[in-house]
Protein backbone atom coordinates (compact mmCIF):
# COMPACT_ATOMS: atom_id res chain seq x y z
CA MET A 1 -5.31 -15.14 -21.05
CA TRP A 2 -1.96 -16.42 -20.12
CA PRO A 3 -0.63 -15.43 -16.46
CA GLU A 4 1.99 -13.25 -17.99
CA ASP A 5 -0.58 -11.44 -20.14
CA LEU A 6 -2.76 -11.07 -17.29
CA PHE A 7 0.00 -9.40 -15.23
CA GLU A 8 0.66 -7.07 -18.20
CA TYR A 9 -2.97 -6.20 -18.45
CA ILE A 10 -3.28 -5.42 -14.73
CA LEU A 11 -0.23 -3.28 -14.96
CA ALA A 12 -1.50 -1.37 -17.79
CA ASN A 13 -4.89 -0.77 -16.45
CA LEU A 14 -3.31 0.20 -12.89
CA ALA A 15 -1.00 2.65 -14.72
CA ASP A 16 -4.21 4.25 -16.51
CA GLU A 17 -6.13 4.59 -13.28
CA ILE A 18 -3.07 6.17 -11.56
CA ILE A 19 -2.77 8.70 -14.23
CA THR A 20 -6.46 9.49 -14.24
CA THR A 21 -7.01 9.53 -10.58
CA ASP A 22 -6.83 12.92 -8.65
CA ILE A 23 -5.21 11.39 -5.44
CA GLU A 24 -2.75 13.80 -3.91
CA ILE A 25 0.79 12.14 -3.30
CA ALA A 26 1.05 11.43 0.55
CA GLN A 27 4.12 12.96 2.49
CA PRO A 28 6.11 10.16 4.12
CA MET A 29 5.91 9.98 7.98
CA PRO A 30 8.77 11.50 9.89
CA CYS A 31 9.51 8.18 11.50
CA ASP A 32 11.61 4.90 11.35
CA ARG A 33 10.11 1.80 9.41
CA TRP A 34 8.85 0.18 12.42
CA VAL A 35 6.54 3.00 13.42
CA ALA A 36 5.36 3.29 9.76
CA ARG A 37 4.64 -0.28 9.60
CA SER A 38 2.42 -0.06 12.71
CA ALA A 39 0.89 2.96 11.75
CA LEU A 40 -0.09 1.34 8.22
CA GLN A 41 -1.77 -1.32 9.85
CA LYS A 42 -3.66 0.65 12.54
CA ALA A 43 -4.77 3.30 9.84
CA ILE A 44 -6.02 0.19 7.50
CA ARG A 45 -7.82 -1.11 10.77
CA ARG A 46 -9.32 1.99 11.47
CA GLY A 47 -10.25 3.23 7.82
CA GLU A 48 -7.79 6.24 7.84
CA THR A 49 -6.74 6.44 4.17
CA GLU A 50 -4.56 9.75 4.64
CA ILE A 51 -2.43 8.11 7.67
CA ALA A 52 -2.10 4.58 5.77
CA LEU A 53 -0.91 6.48 2.63
CA SER A 54 1.73 8.40 4.56
CA ALA A 55 2.98 5.41 6.49
CA LEU A 56 3.00 3.45 3.19
CA ALA A 57 5.06 6.41 1.61
CA SER A 58 7.53 6.22 4.37
CA LEU A 59 7.78 2.34 3.92
CA LEU A 60 8.48 3.08 0.22
CA ASN A 61 11.39 5.40 1.16
CA GLN A 62 12.86 3.24 3.96
CA ASP A 63 12.10 -0.63 3.29
CA PRO A 64 10.22 -1.07 -0.15
CA ALA A 65 10.92 -4.63 -0.18
CA THR A 66 8.95 -5.34 2.78
CA ILE A 67 5.74 -3.45 1.56
CA TRP A 68 3.91 -6.49 -0.13
CA ARG A 69 4.65 -8.75 2.51
CA HIS A 70 3.46 -6.48 5.27
CA LEU A 71 0.33 -5.96 3.20
CA GLY A 72 -0.17 -9.66 3.13
CA ILE A 73 0.11 -9.98 6.99
CA ILE A 74 -2.50 -7.08 7.32
CA ALA A 75 -4.79 -8.80 4.92
CA ILE A 76 -4.85 -12.09 6.98
CA GLU A 77 -4.73 -10.50 10.30
CA ASP A 78 -7.19 -7.62 10.17
CA LEU A 79 -9.23 -8.30 6.90
CA GLY A 80 -9.50 -12.13 6.90
CA VAL A 81 -12.05 -13.67 4.61
CA ALA A 82 -14.37 -10.76 4.63
């Protein structure tokens, strides 16, 4: 499977998973992007899914370009090789 095909496969499966999952849409936090980034990292660290989704929704509205970069930072700092 070529990288482009793999990417399309992942996107298609992700879309199917989102459609069939009973997840409520999180309401954005009423805060600026810096507080949302901090809340996202702390919520992931503590395992608080609802707060993490709310912070992520806020970041999506305010600064979507930084979401993936910040998730990468959280993965390195808080999750590590675990």
